[in-house]
N, C-alpha and C. Protein backbone atom coordinates (compact mmCIF):
# COMPACT_ATOMS: atom_id res chain seq x y z
N MET A 1 -69.96 55.85 -39.98
CA MET A 1 -71.39 55.82 -40.23
C MET A 1 -72.06 54.92 -39.19
N ASN A 2 -73.25 55.31 -38.84
CA ASN A 2 -74.00 54.56 -37.84
C ASN A 2 -75.05 53.69 -38.54
N VAL A 3 -74.82 52.38 -38.57
CA VAL A 3 -75.72 51.47 -39.26
C VAL A 3 -77.11 51.46 -38.62
N GLU A 4 -77.17 51.60 -37.30
CA GLU A 4 -78.48 51.60 -36.63
C GLU A 4 -79.32 52.79 -37.07
N ASN A 5 -78.66 53.93 -37.25
CA ASN A 5 -79.37 55.12 -37.72
C ASN A 5 -79.92 54.90 -39.13
N ASN A 6 -79.13 54.30 -39.99
CA ASN A 6 -79.58 54.02 -41.35
C ASN A 6 -80.74 53.03 -41.36
N LYS A 7 -80.65 52.01 -40.51
CA LYS A 7 -81.74 51.04 -40.44
C LYS A 7 -83.02 51.71 -39.95
N ALA A 8 -82.91 52.60 -38.98
CA ALA A 8 -84.08 53.32 -38.47
C ALA A 8 -84.69 54.20 -39.56
N GLN A 9 -83.83 54.84 -40.35
CA GLN A 9 -84.33 55.70 -41.42
C GLN A 9 -85.05 54.87 -42.50
N MET A 10 -84.54 53.69 -42.79
CA MET A 10 -85.22 52.82 -43.76
C MET A 10 -86.59 52.41 -43.25
N ARG A 11 -86.66 52.03 -41.97
CA ARG A 11 -87.95 51.65 -41.39
C ARG A 11 -88.93 52.82 -41.42
N LYS A 12 -88.43 53.99 -41.10
CA LYS A 12 -89.27 55.18 -41.09
C LYS A 12 -89.84 55.45 -42.49
N GLY A 13 -89.02 55.22 -43.51
CA GLY A 13 -89.44 55.47 -44.88
C GLY A 13 -90.55 54.54 -45.36
N ILE A 14 -90.63 53.36 -44.79
CA ILE A 14 -91.65 52.40 -45.24
C ILE A 14 -92.76 52.21 -44.21
N LEU A 15 -92.77 53.03 -43.18
CA LEU A 15 -93.72 52.85 -42.10
C LEU A 15 -95.18 52.96 -42.56
N GLU A 16 -95.48 53.96 -43.38
CA GLU A 16 -96.87 54.11 -43.84
C GLU A 16 -97.30 52.91 -44.68
N TYR A 17 -96.39 52.40 -45.48
CA TYR A 17 -96.66 51.20 -46.27
C TYR A 17 -96.93 50.01 -45.36
N CYS A 18 -96.12 49.88 -44.31
CA CYS A 18 -96.29 48.77 -43.36
C CYS A 18 -97.61 48.88 -42.61
N ILE A 19 -98.01 50.09 -42.26
CA ILE A 19 -99.28 50.29 -41.55
C ILE A 19 -100.44 49.85 -42.44
N LEU A 20 -100.44 50.29 -43.69
CA LEU A 20 -101.51 49.88 -44.61
C LEU A 20 -101.50 48.37 -44.82
N SER A 21 -100.32 47.79 -44.91
CA SER A 21 -100.22 46.34 -45.08
C SER A 21 -100.78 45.60 -43.87
N ALA A 22 -100.48 46.10 -42.67
CA ALA A 22 -100.98 45.46 -41.45
C ALA A 22 -102.50 45.54 -41.39
N ILE A 23 -103.06 46.66 -41.77
CA ILE A 23 -104.51 46.84 -41.73
C ILE A 23 -105.20 46.04 -42.83
N SER A 24 -104.48 45.76 -43.91
CA SER A 24 -105.10 45.04 -45.03
C SER A 24 -105.47 43.61 -44.66
N ILE A 25 -104.84 43.06 -43.63
CA ILE A 25 -105.13 41.68 -43.21
C ILE A 25 -106.57 41.58 -42.72
N ASP A 26 -106.94 42.50 -41.86
CA ASP A 26 -108.32 42.63 -41.38
C ASP A 26 -108.42 43.94 -40.61
N SER A 27 -109.63 44.38 -40.33
CA SER A 27 -109.76 45.62 -39.57
C SER A 27 -109.14 45.42 -38.20
N CYS A 28 -108.49 46.45 -37.69
CA CYS A 28 -107.81 46.28 -36.42
C CYS A 28 -107.73 47.57 -35.61
N TYR A 29 -107.54 47.36 -34.36
CA TYR A 29 -107.40 48.40 -33.35
C TYR A 29 -105.94 48.87 -33.36
N ALA A 30 -105.69 50.09 -32.93
CA ALA A 30 -104.33 50.64 -32.98
C ALA A 30 -103.30 49.74 -32.29
N SER A 31 -103.65 49.18 -31.15
CA SER A 31 -102.66 48.33 -30.46
C SER A 31 -102.39 47.05 -31.26
N ASP A 32 -103.37 46.57 -32.03
CA ASP A 32 -103.14 45.43 -32.92
C ASP A 32 -102.12 45.79 -33.99
N ILE A 33 -102.26 47.00 -34.54
CA ILE A 33 -101.32 47.46 -35.57
C ILE A 33 -99.92 47.53 -34.99
N ILE A 34 -99.79 48.13 -33.81
CA ILE A 34 -98.48 48.24 -33.16
C ILE A 34 -97.89 46.85 -32.92
N ASN A 35 -98.69 45.91 -32.45
CA ASN A 35 -98.19 44.55 -32.21
C ASN A 35 -97.72 43.89 -33.49
N ARG A 36 -98.48 44.06 -34.56
CA ARG A 36 -98.08 43.46 -35.85
C ARG A 36 -96.76 44.05 -36.33
N LEU A 37 -96.62 45.36 -36.16
CA LEU A 37 -95.38 46.00 -36.58
C LEU A 37 -94.20 45.58 -35.70
N LYS A 38 -94.44 45.45 -34.42
CA LYS A 38 -93.37 44.99 -33.52
C LYS A 38 -92.96 43.57 -33.83
N GLU A 39 -93.93 42.71 -34.12
CA GLU A 39 -93.61 41.32 -34.49
C GLU A 39 -92.73 41.27 -35.73
N ALA A 40 -92.95 42.22 -36.63
CA ALA A 40 -92.17 42.29 -37.87
C ALA A 40 -90.87 43.09 -37.68
N LYS A 41 -90.61 43.52 -36.44
CA LYS A 41 -89.43 44.30 -36.10
C LYS A 41 -89.42 45.68 -36.77
N VAL A 42 -90.61 46.19 -37.06
CA VAL A 42 -90.77 47.56 -37.51
C VAL A 42 -91.35 48.30 -36.30
N ILE A 43 -90.48 48.67 -35.40
CA ILE A 43 -90.89 49.22 -34.12
C ILE A 43 -91.56 50.58 -34.31
N VAL A 44 -92.68 50.76 -33.63
CA VAL A 44 -93.39 52.04 -33.67
C VAL A 44 -94.09 52.23 -32.33
N VAL A 45 -94.23 53.46 -31.93
CA VAL A 45 -94.93 53.78 -30.68
C VAL A 45 -96.23 54.50 -31.02
N GLU A 46 -97.15 54.52 -30.07
CA GLU A 46 -98.45 55.14 -30.31
C GLU A 46 -98.33 56.58 -30.77
N GLY A 47 -97.38 57.31 -30.21
CA GLY A 47 -97.20 58.72 -30.58
C GLY A 47 -96.83 58.91 -32.04
N THR A 48 -96.25 57.89 -32.64
CA THR A 48 -95.93 57.91 -34.07
C THR A 48 -97.09 57.40 -34.90
N LEU A 49 -97.78 56.40 -34.40
CA LEU A 49 -98.84 55.74 -35.16
C LEU A 49 -100.06 56.64 -35.39
N TYR A 50 -100.56 57.27 -34.34
CA TYR A 50 -101.82 58.01 -34.47
C TYR A 50 -101.79 59.13 -35.50
N PRO A 51 -100.73 59.94 -35.57
CA PRO A 51 -100.71 60.96 -36.63
C PRO A 51 -100.71 60.36 -38.04
N LEU A 52 -100.04 59.22 -38.20
CA LEU A 52 -100.02 58.57 -39.51
C LEU A 52 -101.40 58.01 -39.87
N LEU A 53 -102.08 57.42 -38.89
CA LEU A 53 -103.43 56.91 -39.12
C LEU A 53 -104.37 58.06 -39.50
N THR A 54 -104.25 59.18 -38.81
CA THR A 54 -105.08 60.34 -39.12
C THR A 54 -104.80 60.84 -40.52
N ARG A 55 -103.53 60.92 -40.90
CA ARG A 55 -103.17 61.39 -42.25
C ARG A 55 -103.72 60.43 -43.31
N GLN A 56 -103.61 59.13 -43.07
CA GLN A 56 -104.11 58.16 -44.04
C GLN A 56 -105.64 58.21 -44.12
N LYS A 57 -106.30 58.42 -43.00
CA LYS A 57 -107.75 58.55 -42.99
C LYS A 57 -108.17 59.80 -43.76
N ASN A 58 -107.50 60.92 -43.51
CA ASN A 58 -107.82 62.17 -44.20
C ASN A 58 -107.56 62.09 -45.70
N ALA A 59 -106.65 61.23 -46.09
CA ALA A 59 -106.35 61.03 -47.51
C ALA A 59 -107.34 60.07 -48.17
N GLY A 60 -108.26 59.51 -47.37
CA GLY A 60 -109.27 58.61 -47.92
C GLY A 60 -108.81 57.16 -48.03
N LEU A 61 -107.68 56.84 -47.43
CA LEU A 61 -107.14 55.48 -47.52
C LEU A 61 -107.72 54.55 -46.46
N LEU A 62 -108.15 55.13 -45.34
CA LEU A 62 -108.68 54.36 -44.21
C LEU A 62 -110.04 54.88 -43.80
N SER A 63 -110.81 53.98 -43.22
CA SER A 63 -112.03 54.37 -42.52
C SER A 63 -111.95 53.70 -41.16
N TYR A 64 -112.85 54.07 -40.27
CA TYR A 64 -112.86 53.41 -38.97
C TYR A 64 -114.28 53.28 -38.46
N ARG A 65 -114.41 52.40 -37.50
CA ARG A 65 -115.69 52.21 -36.82
C ARG A 65 -115.41 52.03 -35.34
N TRP A 66 -116.37 52.39 -34.52
CA TRP A 66 -116.24 52.23 -33.08
C TRP A 66 -116.89 50.92 -32.67
N GLU A 67 -116.22 50.19 -31.78
CA GLU A 67 -116.78 48.96 -31.22
C GLU A 67 -116.67 49.02 -29.71
N GLU A 68 -117.71 48.56 -29.06
CA GLU A 68 -117.69 48.48 -27.60
C GLU A 68 -116.61 47.50 -27.16
N SER A 69 -116.00 47.78 -26.04
CA SER A 69 -114.96 46.91 -25.50
C SER A 69 -115.39 46.40 -24.13
N GLN A 70 -115.06 45.15 -23.86
CA GLN A 70 -115.36 44.59 -22.54
C GLN A 70 -114.35 45.05 -21.50
N GLN A 71 -113.24 45.63 -21.95
CA GLN A 71 -112.18 46.03 -21.03
C GLN A 71 -112.01 47.54 -20.91
N GLY A 72 -113.02 48.31 -21.24
CA GLY A 72 -112.88 49.75 -21.11
C GLY A 72 -113.72 50.50 -22.13
N PRO A 73 -113.23 51.66 -22.55
CA PRO A 73 -114.00 52.49 -23.48
C PRO A 73 -114.09 51.84 -24.87
N PRO A 74 -114.99 52.34 -25.72
CA PRO A 74 -115.09 51.81 -27.09
C PRO A 74 -113.75 51.94 -27.82
N ARG A 75 -113.53 51.05 -28.76
CA ARG A 75 -112.29 51.04 -29.53
C ARG A 75 -112.56 51.43 -30.97
N LYS A 76 -111.58 52.11 -31.55
CA LYS A 76 -111.66 52.52 -32.95
C LYS A 76 -110.93 51.46 -33.78
N TYR A 77 -111.66 50.82 -34.68
CA TYR A 77 -111.08 49.81 -35.57
C TYR A 77 -110.93 50.40 -36.97
N TYR A 78 -109.74 50.26 -37.51
CA TYR A 78 -109.40 50.81 -38.83
C TYR A 78 -109.51 49.73 -39.89
N GLU A 79 -109.88 50.17 -41.10
CA GLU A 79 -109.86 49.27 -42.25
C GLU A 79 -109.58 50.08 -43.50
N LEU A 80 -109.09 49.39 -44.52
CA LEU A 80 -108.78 50.06 -45.78
C LEU A 80 -110.06 50.37 -46.53
N THR A 81 -110.10 51.53 -47.16
CA THR A 81 -111.19 51.87 -48.06
C THR A 81 -110.84 51.27 -49.43
N ALA A 82 -111.75 51.38 -50.37
CA ALA A 82 -111.46 50.92 -51.73
C ALA A 82 -110.25 51.68 -52.28
N GLN A 83 -110.20 52.98 -52.02
CA GLN A 83 -109.06 53.79 -52.46
C GLN A 83 -107.78 53.32 -51.77
N GLY A 84 -107.88 52.96 -50.49
CA GLY A 84 -106.72 52.46 -49.75
C GLY A 84 -106.21 51.15 -50.31
N LYS A 85 -107.12 50.29 -50.72
CA LYS A 85 -106.71 49.01 -51.32
C LYS A 85 -105.99 49.23 -52.63
N GLU A 86 -106.49 50.15 -53.45
CA GLU A 86 -105.82 50.48 -54.72
C GLU A 86 -104.44 51.07 -54.46
N TYR A 87 -104.38 51.98 -53.51
CA TYR A 87 -103.12 52.63 -53.16
C TYR A 87 -102.11 51.60 -52.67
N LEU A 88 -102.55 50.69 -51.81
CA LEU A 88 -101.66 49.64 -51.31
C LEU A 88 -101.18 48.74 -52.44
N SER A 89 -102.05 48.45 -53.37
CA SER A 89 -101.66 47.64 -54.52
C SER A 89 -100.54 48.32 -55.32
N GLU A 90 -100.66 49.63 -55.48
CA GLU A 90 -99.61 50.38 -56.19
C GLU A 90 -98.30 50.38 -55.38
N LEU A 91 -98.41 50.51 -54.06
CA LEU A 91 -97.22 50.46 -53.21
C LEU A 91 -96.57 49.08 -53.28
N ASP A 92 -97.39 48.03 -53.33
CA ASP A 92 -96.86 46.67 -53.47
C ASP A 92 -96.02 46.54 -54.74
N LYS A 93 -96.56 47.08 -55.83
CA LYS A 93 -95.83 47.03 -57.11
C LYS A 93 -94.52 47.81 -57.01
N SER A 94 -94.58 48.99 -56.41
CA SER A 94 -93.37 49.81 -56.26
C SER A 94 -92.34 49.11 -55.40
N TRP A 95 -92.81 48.48 -54.32
CA TRP A 95 -91.89 47.76 -53.43
C TRP A 95 -91.21 46.62 -54.19
N ASP A 96 -92.00 45.85 -54.93
CA ASP A 96 -91.44 44.73 -55.69
C ASP A 96 -90.40 45.22 -56.69
N GLU A 97 -90.68 46.34 -57.35
CA GLU A 97 -89.73 46.92 -58.31
C GLU A 97 -88.45 47.36 -57.61
N LEU A 98 -88.60 47.96 -56.44
CA LEU A 98 -87.44 48.43 -55.68
C LEU A 98 -86.56 47.25 -55.25
N VAL A 99 -87.18 46.22 -54.73
CA VAL A 99 -86.43 45.03 -54.31
C VAL A 99 -85.71 44.42 -55.51
N LYS A 100 -86.39 44.34 -56.62
CA LYS A 100 -85.80 43.78 -57.85
C LYS A 100 -84.59 44.64 -58.27
N SER A 101 -84.73 45.96 -58.21
CA SER A 101 -83.63 46.85 -58.58
C SER A 101 -82.43 46.67 -57.67
N ILE A 102 -82.67 46.57 -56.38
CA ILE A 102 -81.58 46.39 -55.43
C ILE A 102 -80.87 45.07 -55.68
N LYS A 103 -81.63 44.02 -55.98
CA LYS A 103 -81.02 42.72 -56.26
C LYS A 103 -80.15 42.81 -57.51
N LEU A 104 -80.61 43.55 -58.52
CA LEU A 104 -79.80 43.72 -59.73
C LEU A 104 -78.50 44.45 -59.44
N ILE A 105 -78.59 45.50 -58.64
CA ILE A 105 -77.41 46.27 -58.31
C ILE A 105 -76.41 45.41 -57.54
N ARG A 106 -76.90 44.62 -56.62
CA ARG A 106 -76.02 43.79 -55.78
C ARG A 106 -75.35 42.68 -56.57
N LYS A 107 -75.95 42.26 -57.68
CA LYS A 107 -75.36 41.20 -58.51
C LYS A 107 -74.16 41.72 -59.30
N LYS A 108 -74.15 43.03 -59.57
CA LYS A 108 -73.08 43.58 -60.42
C LYS A 108 -71.85 43.90 -59.66
């Protein structure tokens, strides 16, 4: 078995949760999201991020606004909607339950 493959699959499974969590801190630009995820060792590339952001926006979890940039074209800043905050809260609860379950299994 390839442990690196399993680790990548786990990261992939929680990527949308991590994106919402990163945006929940404050509104941010896509490269800010990527940097936050890289700092947390949840590696993601722009080609992966943008489709997920679009899907979350279409689901009503995110909104965005354009801001002028001093270094080039305007930037799109994402933030959680009220629905996104509720959804993230539910994911937080699910995550906590999952971690608790895994800890129980490992104790036995």
